[in-house]
C-alpha cells in the first residue's frame, strides 16, 4: 500500500475458510477472543460475510476492520498481541489472505 494514505482511514480485508470439523470451536474463538482482542488493538470491525454456497474459488468468510491511518494499521499488525491472535486464528482456518486498502465508502474486495 502506498504511503499516500497516511492520515486516511485504511481497511484490513481478510478472507479465509473454516477448517473442516472446526466450526463450533471457530465461532467460540471468534466471540471469546478474536473480536474483543482485535478491537482492543484498535481495529474497528465494520463487516463480516459468510458464504453458504459457492460455485468457485470464493472464500467462505470475508471480514474487515478499519484503522485511523496506515501507521495505526501497521502498529496493529506488527504487535505481539496481533501475532498471538492471528496464530490462534490459523488453528481454525485455512486459505487465509489479507490486504490493506484505502477506505472508499463502497463495498470492497
PDB file of N, CA and C in Angstrom:
ATOM      1  N   UNK A   1       0.853  -1.170   0.000  1.00  0.00           N
ATOM      2  CA  UNK A   1       0.000   0.000   0.000  1.00  0.00           C
ATOM      3  C   UNK A   1       0.897   1.232   0.000  1.00  0.00           C
ATOM      4  N   UNK A   2       0.631   2.167  -0.868  1.00  0.00           N
ATOM      5  CA  UNK A   2       1.455   3.371  -0.934  1.00  0.00           C
ATOM      6  C   UNK A   2       1.306   4.230   0.310  1.00  0.00           C
ATOM      7  N   UNK A   3       2.345   4.997   0.594  1.00  0.00           N
ATOM      8  CA  UNK A   3       2.338   5.857   1.768  1.00  0.00           C
ATOM      9  C   UNK A   3       1.458   7.087   1.589  1.00  0.00           C
ATOM     10  N   UNK A   4       0.813   7.264   0.415  1.00  0.00           N
ATOM     11  CA  UNK A   4      -0.044   8.426   0.225  1.00  0.00           C
ATOM     12  C   UNK A   4      -1.359   8.324   0.986  1.00  0.00           C
ATOM     13  N   UNK A   5      -1.539   7.226   1.728  1.00  0.00           N
ATOM     14  CA  UNK A   5      -2.757   7.076   2.523  1.00  0.00           C
ATOM     15  C   UNK A   5      -2.524   7.462   3.977  1.00  0.00           C
ATOM     16  N   UNK A   6      -1.358   7.990   4.283  1.00  0.00           N
ATOM     17  CA  UNK A   6      -1.083   8.430   5.644  1.00  0.00           C
ATOM     18  C   UNK A   6      -2.115   9.480   6.034  1.00  0.00           C
ATOM     19  N   UNK A   7      -2.711   9.320   7.198  1.00  0.00           N
ATOM     20  CA  UNK A   7      -3.714  10.260   7.667  1.00  0.00           C
ATOM     21  C   UNK A   7      -5.116   9.934   7.191  1.00  0.00           C
ATOM     22  N   UNK A   8      -5.283   8.869   6.416  1.00  0.00           N
ATOM     23  CA  UNK A   8      -6.597   8.459   5.920  1.00  0.00           C
ATOM     24  C   UNK A   8      -6.955   7.108   6.511  1.00  0.00           C
ATOM     25  N   UNK A   9      -8.266   6.877   6.758  1.00  0.00           N
ATOM     26  CA  UNK A   9      -8.703   5.564   7.221  1.00  0.00           C
ATOM     27  C   UNK A   9      -8.274   4.494   6.224  1.00  0.00           C
ATOM     28  N   UNK A  10      -7.804   3.377   6.764  1.00  0.00           N
ATOM     29  CA  UNK A  10      -7.457   2.231   5.932  1.00  0.00           C
ATOM     30  C   UNK A  10      -8.209   1.013   6.452  1.00  0.00           C
ATOM     31  N   UNK A  11      -8.464   0.091   5.542  1.00  0.00           N
ATOM     32  CA  UNK A  11      -9.249  -1.091   5.856  1.00  0.00           C
ATOM     33  C   UNK A  11      -8.400  -2.337   5.655  1.00  0.00           C
ATOM     34  N   UNK A  12      -8.473  -3.234   6.615  1.00  0.00           N
ATOM     35  CA  UNK A  12      -7.865  -4.552   6.502  1.00  0.00           C
ATOM     36  C   UNK A  12      -8.964  -5.510   6.081  1.00  0.00           C
ATOM     37  N   UNK A  13      -8.825  -6.092   4.893  1.00  0.00           N
ATOM     38  CA  UNK A  13      -9.786  -7.073   4.398  1.00  0.00           C
ATOM     39  C   UNK A  13      -9.145  -8.448   4.537  1.00  0.00           C
ATOM     40  N   UNK A  14      -9.842  -9.333   5.228  1.00  0.00           N
ATOM     41  CA  UNK A  14      -9.325 -10.686   5.466  1.00  0.00           C
ATOM     42  C   UNK A  14     -10.325 -11.704   4.933  1.00  0.00           C
ATOM     43  N   UNK A  15      -9.815 -12.754   4.310  1.00  0.00           N
ATOM     44  CA  UNK A  15     -10.658 -13.855   3.853  1.00  0.00           C
ATOM     45  C   UNK A  15     -10.052 -15.164   4.317  1.00  0.00           C
ATOM     46  N   UNK A  16     -10.930 -16.157   4.526  1.00  0.00           N
ATOM     47  CA  UNK A  16     -10.463 -17.483   4.922  1.00  0.00           C
ATOM     48  C   UNK A  16     -11.597 -18.486   4.809  1.00  0.00           C
ATOM     49  N   UNK A  17     -11.238 -19.746   4.983  1.00  0.00           N
ATOM     50  CA  UNK A  17     -12.188 -20.847   5.067  1.00  0.00           C
ATOM     51  C   UNK A  17     -12.025 -21.497   6.432  1.00  0.00           C
ATOM     52  N   UNK A  18     -13.129 -21.923   7.014  1.00  0.00           N
ATOM     53  CA  UNK A  18     -13.076 -22.613   8.296  1.00  0.00           C
ATOM     54  C   UNK A  18     -12.588 -24.035   8.048  1.00  0.00           C
ATOM     55  N   UNK A  19     -11.647 -24.488   8.882  1.00  0.00           N
ATOM     56  CA  UNK A  19     -11.164 -25.866   8.755  1.00  0.00           C
ATOM     57  C   UNK A  19     -12.339 -26.834   8.934  1.00  0.00           C
ATOM     58  N   UNK A  20     -12.385 -27.852   8.093  1.00  0.00           N
ATOM     59  CA  UNK A  20     -13.472 -28.834   8.219  1.00  0.00           C
ATOM     60  C   UNK A  20     -13.528 -29.421   9.637  1.00  0.00           C
ATOM     61  N   UNK A  21     -14.743 -29.473  10.184  1.00  0.00           N
ATOM     62  CA  UNK A  21     -14.950 -30.044  11.502  1.00  0.00           C
ATOM     63  C   UNK A  21     -14.629 -29.129  12.669  1.00  0.00           C
ATOM     64  N   UNK A  22     -14.234 -27.887  12.400  1.00  0.00           N
ATOM     65  CA  UNK A  22     -13.844 -26.959  13.471  1.00  0.00           C
ATOM     66  C   UNK A  22     -14.833 -25.809  13.649  1.00  0.00           C
ATOM     67  N   UNK A  23     -15.995 -25.889  13.030  1.00  0.00           N
ATOM     68  CA  UNK A  23     -16.954 -24.782  13.034  1.00  0.00           C
ATOM     69  C   UNK A  23     -17.290 -24.284  14.442  1.00  0.00           C
ATOM     70  N   UNK A  24     -17.688 -25.173  15.317  1.00  0.00           N
ATOM     71  CA  UNK A  24     -18.109 -24.779  16.661  1.00  0.00           C
ATOM     72  C   UNK A  24     -16.970 -24.093  17.417  1.00  0.00           C
ATOM     73  N   UNK A  25     -15.790 -24.705  17.386  1.00  0.00           N
ATOM     74  CA  UNK A  25     -14.623 -24.115  18.075  1.00  0.00           C
ATOM     75  C   UNK A  25     -14.248 -22.773  17.456  1.00  0.00           C
ATOM     76  N   UNK A  26     -14.341 -22.682  16.140  1.00  0.00           N
ATOM     77  CA  UNK A  26     -14.021 -21.448  15.428  1.00  0.00           C
ATOM     78  C   UNK A  26     -14.923 -20.308  15.900  1.00  0.00           C
ATOM     79  N   UNK A  27     -16.241 -20.540  15.901  1.00  0.00           N
ATOM     80  CA  UNK A  27     -17.165 -19.483  16.291  1.00  0.00           C
ATOM     81  C   UNK A  27     -16.992 -19.102  17.762  1.00  0.00           C
ATOM     82  N   UNK A  28     -16.692 -20.060  18.617  1.00  0.00           N
ATOM     83  CA  UNK A  28     -16.419 -19.754  20.023  1.00  0.00           C
ATOM     84  C   UNK A  28     -15.171 -18.882  20.149  1.00  0.00           C
ATOM     85  N   UNK A  29     -14.119 -19.214  19.392  1.00  0.00           N
ATOM     86  CA  UNK A  29     -12.892 -18.414  19.397  1.00  0.00           C
ATOM     87  C   UNK A  29     -13.175 -16.985  18.925  1.00  0.00           C
ATOM     88  N   UNK A  30     -13.958 -16.847  17.858  1.00  0.00           N
ATOM     89  CA  UNK A  30     -14.274 -15.511  17.341  1.00  0.00           C
ATOM     90  C   UNK A  30     -14.908 -14.638  18.412  1.00  0.00           C
ATOM     91  N   UNK A  31     -15.919 -15.175  19.061  1.00  0.00           N
ATOM     92  CA  UNK A  31     -16.676 -14.391  20.040  1.00  0.00           C
ATOM     93  C   UNK A  31     -15.861 -14.149  21.310  1.00  0.00           C
ATOM     94  N   UNK A  32     -15.160 -15.155  21.765  1.00  0.00           N
ATOM     95  CA  UNK A  32     -14.436 -15.077  23.042  1.00  0.00           C
ATOM     96  C   UNK A  32     -13.121 -14.306  22.930  1.00  0.00           C
ATOM     97  N   UNK A  33     -12.383 -14.505  21.821  1.00  0.00           N
ATOM     98  CA  UNK A  33     -11.011 -13.986  21.734  1.00  0.00           C
ATOM     99  C   UNK A  33     -10.764 -13.032  20.573  1.00  0.00           C
ATOM    100  N   UNK A  34     -11.097 -13.447  19.352  1.00  0.00           N
ATOM    101  CA  UNK A  34     -10.727 -12.696  18.157  1.00  0.00           C
ATOM    102  C   UNK A  34     -11.343 -11.291  18.125  1.00  0.00           C
ATOM    103  N   UNK A  35     -12.647 -11.208  18.227  1.00  0.00           N
ATOM    104  CA  UNK A  35     -13.307  -9.903  18.110  1.00  0.00           C
ATOM    105  C   UNK A  35     -12.883  -8.959  19.240  1.00  0.00           C
ATOM    106  N   UNK A  36     -12.984  -9.383  20.518  1.00  0.00           N
ATOM    107  CA  UNK A  36     -12.548  -8.457  21.577  1.00  0.00           C
ATOM    108  C   UNK A  36     -11.057  -8.125  21.495  1.00  0.00           C
ATOM    109  N   UNK A  37     -10.240  -9.106  21.147  1.00  0.00           N
ATOM    110  CA  UNK A  37      -8.794  -8.879  21.087  1.00  0.00           C
ATOM    111  C   UNK A  37      -8.402  -7.899  20.006  1.00  0.00           C
ATOM    112  N   UNK A  38      -8.982  -8.045  18.816  1.00  0.00           N
ATOM    113  CA  UNK A  38      -8.639  -7.128  17.727  1.00  0.00           C
ATOM    114  C   UNK A  38      -9.224  -5.741  17.971  1.00  0.00           C
ATOM    115  N   UNK A  39     -10.384  -5.680  18.620  1.00  0.00           N
ATOM    116  CA  UNK A  39     -10.938  -4.370  18.980  1.00  0.00           C
ATOM    117  C   UNK A  39     -10.044  -3.667  19.999  1.00  0.00           C
ATOM    118  N   UNK A  40      -9.515  -4.411  20.954  1.00  0.00           N
ATOM    119  CA  UNK A  40      -8.597  -3.823  21.939  1.00  0.00           C
ATOM    120  C   UNK A  40      -7.330  -3.278  21.286  1.00  0.00           C
ATOM    121  N   UNK A  41      -6.951  -3.847  20.152  1.00  0.00           N
ATOM    122  CA  UNK A  41      -5.781  -3.363  19.419  1.00  0.00           C
ATOM    123  C   UNK A  41      -6.087  -2.091  18.624  1.00  0.00           C
ATOM    124  N   UNK A  42      -7.369  -1.759  18.477  1.00  0.00           N
ATOM    125  CA  UNK A  42      -7.739  -0.548  17.749  1.00  0.00           C
ATOM    126  C   UNK A  42      -8.366  -0.808  16.392  1.00  0.00           C
ATOM    127  N   UNK A  43      -8.621  -2.071  16.061  1.00  0.00           N
ATOM    128  CA  UNK A  43      -9.266  -2.394  14.793  1.00  0.00           C
ATOM    129  C   UNK A  43     -10.778  -2.275  14.978  1.00  0.00           C
ATOM    130  N   UNK A  44     -11.422  -1.410  14.171  1.00  0.00           N
ATOM    131  CA  UNK A  44     -12.870  -1.227  14.240  1.00  0.00           C
ATOM    132  C   UNK A  44     -13.526  -2.149  13.211  1.00  0.00           C
ATOM    133  N   UNK A  45     -14.183  -3.181  13.690  1.00  0.00           N
ATOM    134  CA  UNK A  45     -14.827  -4.135  12.788  1.00  0.00           C
ATOM    135  C   UNK A  45     -16.016  -3.463  12.109  1.00  0.00           C
ATOM    136  N   UNK A  46     -16.060  -3.588  10.797  1.00  0.00           N
ATOM    137  CA  UNK A  46     -17.107  -2.920  10.040  1.00  0.00           C
ATOM    138  C   UNK A  46     -17.960  -3.874   9.225  1.00  0.00           C
ATOM    139  N   UNK A  47     -17.578  -5.128   9.140  1.00  0.00           N
ATOM    140  CA  UNK A  47     -18.393  -6.070   8.385  1.00  0.00           C
ATOM    141  C   UNK A  47     -17.807  -7.455   8.391  1.00  0.00           C
ATOM    142  N   UNK A  48     -18.691  -8.425   8.251  1.00  0.00           N
ATOM    143  CA  UNK A  48     -18.276  -9.821   8.112  1.00  0.00           C
ATOM    144  C   UNK A  48     -19.336 -10.525   7.278  1.00  0.00           C
ATOM    145  N   UNK A  49     -18.882 -11.347   6.364  1.00  0.00           N
ATOM    146  CA  UNK A  49     -19.783 -12.070   5.483  1.00  0.00           C
ATOM    147  C   UNK A  49     -19.384 -13.534   5.458  1.00  0.00           C
ATOM    148  N   UNK A  50     -20.380 -14.399   5.384  1.00  0.00           N
ATOM    149  CA  UNK A  50     -20.136 -15.836   5.298  1.00  0.00           C
ATOM    150  C   UNK A  50     -20.842 -16.352   4.053  1.00  0.00           C
ATOM    151  N   UNK A  51     -20.095 -17.034   3.207  1.00  0.00           N
ATOM    152  CA  UNK A  51     -20.654 -17.638   2.011  1.00  0.00           C
ATOM    153  C   UNK A  51     -21.213 -19.005   2.393  1.00  0.00           C
ATOM    154  N   UNK A  52     -22.472 -19.210   2.091  1.00  0.00           N
ATOM    155  CA  UNK A  52     -23.070 -20.508   2.408  1.00  0.00           C
ATOM    156  C   UNK A  52     -23.112 -21.426   1.193  1.00  0.00           C
ATOM    157  N   UNK A  53     -22.932 -20.863   0.009  1.00  0.00           N
ATOM    158  CA  UNK A  53     -22.953 -21.659  -1.206  1.00  0.00           C
ATOM    159  C   UNK A  53     -22.044 -20.997  -2.229  1.00  0.00           C
ATOM    160  N   UNK A  54     -21.143 -21.765  -2.817  1.00  0.00           N
ATOM    161  CA  UNK A  54     -20.207 -21.199  -3.783  1.00  0.00           C
ATOM    162  C   UNK A  54     -20.001 -22.157  -4.942  1.00  0.00           C
ATOM    163  N   UNK A  55     -19.902 -21.602  -6.136  1.00  0.00           N
ATOM    164  CA  UNK A  55     -19.628 -22.397  -7.330  1.00  0.00           C
ATOM    165  C   UNK A  55     -18.158 -22.348  -7.736  1.00  0.00           C
ATOM    166  N   UNK A  56     -17.370 -21.554  -7.041  1.00  0.00           N
ATOM    167  CA  UNK A  56     -15.983 -21.396  -7.474  1.00  0.00           C
ATOM    168  C   UNK A  56     -15.039 -21.208  -6.318  1.00  0.00           C
ATOM    169  N   UNK A  57     -13.988 -20.467  -6.584  1.00  0.00           N
ATOM    170  CA  UNK A  57     -12.950 -20.216  -5.586  1.00  0.00           C
ATOM    171  C   UNK A  57     -13.282 -18.987  -4.752  1.00  0.00           C
ATOM    172  N   UNK A  58     -14.374 -19.034  -4.051  1.00  0.00           N
ATOM    173  CA  UNK A  58     -14.789 -17.938  -3.188  1.00  0.00           C
ATOM    174  C   UNK A  58     -14.502 -18.312  -1.751  1.00  0.00           C
ATOM    175  N   UNK A  59     -13.901 -17.402  -1.009  1.00  0.00           N
ATOM    176  CA  UNK A  59     -13.622 -17.669   0.402  1.00  0.00           C
ATOM    177  C   UNK A  59     -14.939 -17.815   1.153  1.00  0.00           C
ATOM    178  N   UNK A  60     -14.922 -18.656   2.152  1.00  0.00           N
ATOM    179  CA  UNK A  60     -16.108 -18.875   2.978  1.00  0.00           C
ATOM    180  C   UNK A  60     -16.410 -17.658   3.854  1.00  0.00           C
ATOM    181  N   UNK A  61     -15.361 -17.009   4.357  1.00  0.00           N
ATOM    182  CA  UNK A  61     -15.515 -15.871   5.261  1.00  0.00           C
ATOM    183  C   UNK A  61     -14.760 -14.666   4.694  1.00  0.00           C
ATOM    184  N   UNK A  62     -15.396 -13.500   4.763  1.00  0.00           N
ATOM    185  CA  UNK A  62     -14.699 -12.251   4.491  1.00  0.00           C
ATOM    186  C   UNK A  62     -15.063 -11.300   5.624  1.00  0.00           C
ATOM    187  N   UNK A  63     -14.064 -10.671   6.187  1.00  0.00           N
ATOM    188  CA  UNK A  63     -14.290  -9.722   7.264  1.00  0.00           C
ATOM    189  C   UNK A  63     -13.373  -8.529   7.067  1.00  0.00           C
ATOM    190  N   UNK A  64     -13.744  -7.422   7.678  1.00  0.00           N
ATOM    191  CA  UNK A  64     -12.941  -6.224   7.507  1.00  0.00           C
ATOM    192  C   UNK A  64     -12.930  -5.404   8.782  1.00  0.00           C
ATOM    193  N   UNK A  65     -11.858  -4.669   8.945  1.00  0.00           N
ATOM    194  CA  UNK A  65     -11.720  -3.766  10.075  1.00  0.00           C
ATOM    195  C   UNK A  65     -10.957  -2.532   9.643  1.00  0.00           C
ATOM    196  N   UNK A  66     -11.248  -1.431  10.294  1.00  0.00           N
ATOM    197  CA  UNK A  66     -10.670  -0.140   9.910  1.00  0.00           C
ATOM    198  C   UNK A  66      -9.765   0.384  11.017  1.00  0.00           C
ATOM    199  N   UNK A  67      -8.680   0.991  10.591  1.00  0.00           N
ATOM    200  CA  UNK A  67      -7.793   1.738  11.492  1.00  0.00           C
ATOM    201  C   UNK A  67      -7.744   3.176  10.999  1.00  0.00           C
ATOM    202  N   UNK A  68      -7.356   4.091  11.892  1.00  0.00           N
ATOM    203  CA  UNK A  68      -7.413   5.521  11.581  1.00  0.00           C
ATOM    204  C   UNK A  68      -6.463   5.940  10.471  1.00  0.00           C
ATOM    205  N   UNK A  69      -5.368   5.221  10.304  1.00  0.00           N
ATOM    206  CA  UNK A  69      -4.444   5.525   9.216  1.00  0.00           C
ATOM    207  C   UNK A  69      -3.479   4.345   9.041  1.00  0.00           C
ATOM    208  N   UNK A  70      -2.620   4.460   8.043  1.00  0.00           N
ATOM    209  CA  UNK A  70      -1.710   3.364   7.713  1.00  0.00           C
ATOM    210  C   UNK A  70      -0.745   3.071   8.852  1.00  0.00           C
ATOM    211  N   UNK A  71      -0.250   4.099   9.525  1.00  0.00           N
ATOM    212  CA  UNK A  71       0.661   3.870  10.652  1.00  0.00           C
ATOM    213  C   UNK A  71      -0.023   3.094  11.768  1.00  0.00           C
ATOM    214  N   UNK A  72      -1.279   3.433  12.063  1.00  0.00           N
ATOM    215  CA  UNK A  72      -2.020   2.712  13.096  1.00  0.00           C
ATOM    216  C   UNK A  72      -2.223   1.253  12.696  1.00  0.00           C
ATOM    217  N   UNK A  73      -2.529   1.009  11.417  1.00  0.00           N
ATOM    218  CA  UNK A  73      -2.709  -0.364  10.945  1.00  0.00           C
ATOM    219  C   UNK A  73      -1.394  -1.134  11.045  1.00  0.00           C
ATOM    220  N   UNK A  74      -0.307  -0.508  10.668  1.00  0.00           N
ATOM    221  CA  UNK A  74       0.995  -1.171  10.781  1.00  0.00           C
ATOM    222  C   UNK A  74       1.308  -1.516  12.232  1.00  0.00           C
ATOM    223  N   UNK A  75       1.004  -0.582  13.150  1.00  0.00           N
ATOM    224  CA  UNK A  75       1.226  -0.848  14.574  1.00  0.00           C
ATOM    225  C   UNK A  75       0.419  -2.056  15.036  1.00  0.00           C
ATOM    226  N   UNK A  76      -0.832  -2.147  14.600  1.00  0.00           N
ATOM    227  CA  UNK A  76      -1.680  -3.283  14.961  1.00  0.00           C
ATOM    228  C   UNK A  76      -1.072  -4.581  14.443  1.00  0.00           C
ATOM    229  N   UNK A  77      -0.750  -4.604  13.141  1.00  0.00           N
ATOM    230  CA  UNK A  77      -0.288  -5.834  12.504  1.00  0.00           C
ATOM    231  C   UNK A  77       1.109  -6.265  12.941  1.00  0.00           C
ATOM    232  N   UNK A  78       1.874  -5.358  13.521  1.00  0.00           N
ATOM    233  CA  UNK A  78       3.216  -5.708  13.996  1.00  0.00           C
ATOM    234  C   UNK A  78       3.279  -5.922  15.501  1.00  0.00           C
ATOM    235  N   UNK A  79       2.128  -5.880  16.156  1.00  0.00           N
ATOM    236  CA  UNK A  79       2.116  -6.048  17.614  1.00  0.00           C
ATOM    237  C   UNK A  79       2.173  -7.523  17.997  1.00  0.00           C
ATOM    238  N   UNK A  80       2.701  -7.785  19.177  1.00  0.00           N
ATOM    239  CA  UNK A  80       2.741  -9.147  19.702  1.00  0.00           C
ATOM    240  C   UNK A  80       1.332  -9.701  19.900  1.00  0.00           C
ATOM    241  N   UNK A  81       0.409  -8.842  20.323  1.00  0.00           N
ATOM    242  CA  UNK A  81      -0.972  -9.285  20.537  1.00  0.00           C
ATOM    243  C   UNK A  81      -1.613  -9.749  19.225  1.00  0.00           C
ATOM    244  N   UNK A  82      -1.380  -9.002  18.131  1.00  0.00           N
ATOM    245  CA  UNK A  82      -1.899  -9.420  16.824  1.00  0.00           C
ATOM    246  C   UNK A  82      -1.301 -10.762  16.433  1.00  0.00           C
ATOM    247  N   UNK A  83       0.005 -10.900  16.592  1.00  0.00           N
ATOM    248  CA  UNK A  83       0.672 -12.147  16.214  1.00  0.00           C
ATOM    249  C   UNK A  83       0.058 -13.329  16.956  1.00  0.00           C
ATOM    250  N   UNK A  84      -0.175 -13.165  18.242  1.00  0.00           N
ATOM    251  CA  UNK A  84      -0.756 -14.239  19.045  1.00  0.00           C
ATOM    252  C   UNK A  84      -2.185 -14.560  18.583  1.00  0.00           C
ATOM    253  N   UNK A  85      -3.013 -13.540  18.406  1.00  0.00           N
ATOM    254  CA  UNK A  85      -4.380 -13.764  17.940  1.00  0.00           C
ATOM    255  C   UNK A  85      -4.407 -14.394  16.551  1.00  0.00           C
ATOM    256  N   UNK A  86      -3.551 -13.902  15.680  1.00  0.00           N
ATOM    257  CA  UNK A  86      -3.501 -14.413  14.310  1.00  0.00           C
ATOM    258  C   UNK A  86      -3.089 -15.880  14.286  1.00  0.00           C
ATOM    259  N   UNK A  87      -2.103 -16.244  15.096  1.00  0.00           N
ATOM    260  CA  UNK A  87      -1.674 -17.641  15.169  1.00  0.00           C
ATOM    261  C   UNK A  87      -2.797 -18.532  15.691  1.00  0.00           C
ATOM    262  N   UNK A  88      -3.559 -18.030  16.664  1.00  0.00           N
ATOM    263  CA  UNK A  88      -4.707 -18.794  17.163  1.00  0.00           C
ATOM    264  C   UNK A  88      -5.765 -18.946  16.075  1.00  0.00           C
ATOM    265  N   UNK A  89      -6.026 -17.871  15.324  1.00  0.00           N
ATOM    266  CA  UNK A  89      -6.997 -17.943  14.239  1.00  0.00           C
ATOM    267  C   UNK A  89      -6.604 -19.016  13.236  1.00  0.00           C
ATOM    268  N   UNK A  90      -5.312 -19.093  12.920  1.00  0.00           N
ATOM    269  CA  UNK A  90      -4.852 -20.054  11.923  1.00  0.00           C
ATOM    270  C   UNK A  90      -5.021 -21.500  12.367  1.00  0.00           C
ATOM    271  N   UNK A  91      -5.252 -21.744  13.650  1.00  0.00           N
ATOM    272  CA  UNK A  91      -5.588 -23.088  14.121  1.00  0.00           C
ATOM    273  C   UNK A  91      -6.971 -23.507  13.634  1.00  0.00           C
ATOM    274  N   UNK A  92      -7.832 -22.526  13.337  1.00  0.00           N
ATOM    275  CA  UNK A  92      -9.218 -22.800  12.972  1.00  0.00           C
ATOM    276  C   UNK A  92      -9.532 -22.567  11.503  1.00  0.00           C
ATOM    277  N   UNK A  93      -8.614 -21.933  10.757  1.00  0.00           N
ATOM    278  CA  UNK A  93      -8.920 -21.570   9.372  1.00  0.00           C
ATOM    279  C   UNK A  93      -7.798 -21.997   8.427  1.00  0.00           C
ATOM    280  N   UNK A  94      -8.144 -22.058   7.145  1.00  0.00           N
ATOM    281  CA  UNK A  94      -7.181 -22.307   6.070  1.00  0.00           C
ATOM    282  C   UNK A  94      -7.416 -21.255   4.993  1.00  0.00           C
ATOM    283  N   UNK A  95      -6.483 -21.159   4.071  1.00  0.00           N
ATOM    284  CA  UNK A  95      -6.594 -20.232   2.937  1.00  0.00           C
ATOM    285  C   UNK A  95      -6.747 -18.776   3.375  1.00  0.00           C
ATOM    286  N   UNK A  96      -6.047 -18.422   4.450  1.00  0.00           N
ATOM    287  CA  UNK A  96      -6.117 -17.053   4.963  1.00  0.00           C
ATOM    288  C   UNK A  96      -5.399 -16.104   4.008  1.00  0.00           C
ATOM    289  N   UNK A  97      -6.050 -14.998   3.707  1.00  0.00           N
ATOM    290  CA  UNK A  97      -5.438 -13.923   2.927  1.00  0.00           C
ATOM    291  C   UNK A  97      -5.852 -12.594   3.534  1.00  0.00           C
ATOM    292  N   UNK A  98      -5.000 -11.590   3.362  1.00  0.00           N
ATOM    293  CA  UNK A  98      -5.338 -10.255   3.849  1.00  0.00           C
ATOM    294  C   UNK A  98      -4.758  -9.213   2.922  1.00  0.00           C
ATOM    295  N   UNK A  99      -5.397  -8.054   2.920  1.00  0.00           N
ATOM    296  CA  UNK A  99      -4.857  -6.910   2.196  1.00  0.00           C
ATOM    297  C   UNK A  99      -5.346  -5.652   2.873  1.00  0.00           C
ATOM    298  N   UNK A 100      -4.592  -4.586   2.685  1.00  0.00           N
ATOM    299  CA  UNK A 100      -4.941  -3.278   3.228  1.00  0.00           C
ATOM    300  C   UNK A 100      -5.296  -2.377   2.054  1.00  0.00           C
ATOM    301  N   UNK A 101      -6.440  -1.704   2.179  1.00  0.00           N
ATOM    302  CA  UNK A 101      -6.894  -0.786   1.131  1.00  0.00           C
ATOM    303  C   UNK A 101      -7.327   0.519   1.767  1.00  0.00           C
ATOM    304  N   UNK A 102      -7.335   1.558   0.994  1.00  0.00           N
ATOM    305  CA  UNK A 102      -7.877   2.844   1.429  1.00  0.00           C
ATOM    306  C   UNK A 102      -9.393   2.705   1.521  1.00  0.00           C
ATOM    307  N   UNK A 103     -10.004   3.231   2.557  1.00  0.00           N
ATOM    308  CA  UNK A 103     -11.448   3.181   2.712  1.00  0.00           C
ATOM    309  C   UNK A 103     -12.100   4.013   1.615  1.00  0.00           C
ATOM    310  N   UNK A 104     -13.010   3.396   0.874  1.00  0.00           N
ATOM    311  CA  UNK A 104     -13.652   4.116  -0.228  1.00  0.00           C
ATOM    312  C   UNK A 104     -15.087   4.509   0.079  1.00  0.00           C
ATOM    313  N   UNK A 105     -15.683   3.891   1.096  1.00  0.00           N
ATOM    314  CA  UNK A 105     -17.091   4.141   1.370  1.00  0.00           C
ATOM    315  C   UNK A 105     -18.002   3.193   0.601  1.00  0.00           C
ATOM    316  N   UNK A 106     -17.422   2.327  -0.224  1.00  0.00           N
ATOM    317  CA  UNK A 106     -18.177   1.367  -1.008  1.00  0.00           C
ATOM    318  C   UNK A 106     -17.749  -0.036  -0.594  1.00  0.00           C
ATOM    319  N   UNK A 107     -18.514  -1.025  -1.033  1.00  0.00           N
ATOM    320  CA  UNK A 107     -18.146  -2.424  -0.782  1.00  0.00           C
ATOM    321  C   UNK A 107     -16.820  -2.706  -1.487  1.00  0.00           C
ATOM    322  N   UNK A 108     -15.888  -3.286  -0.760  1.00  0.00           N
ATOM    323  CA  UNK A 108     -14.565  -3.541  -1.325  1.00  0.00           C
ATOM    324  C   UNK A 108     -14.195  -5.001  -1.136  1.00  0.00           C
ATOM    325  N   UNK A 109     -13.508  -5.572  -2.144  1.00  0.00           N
ATOM    326  CA  UNK A 109     -12.993  -6.930  -2.019  1.00  0.00           C
ATOM    327  C   UNK A 109     -11.553  -6.994  -2.451  1.00  0.00           C
TER     328      UNK A 109
END
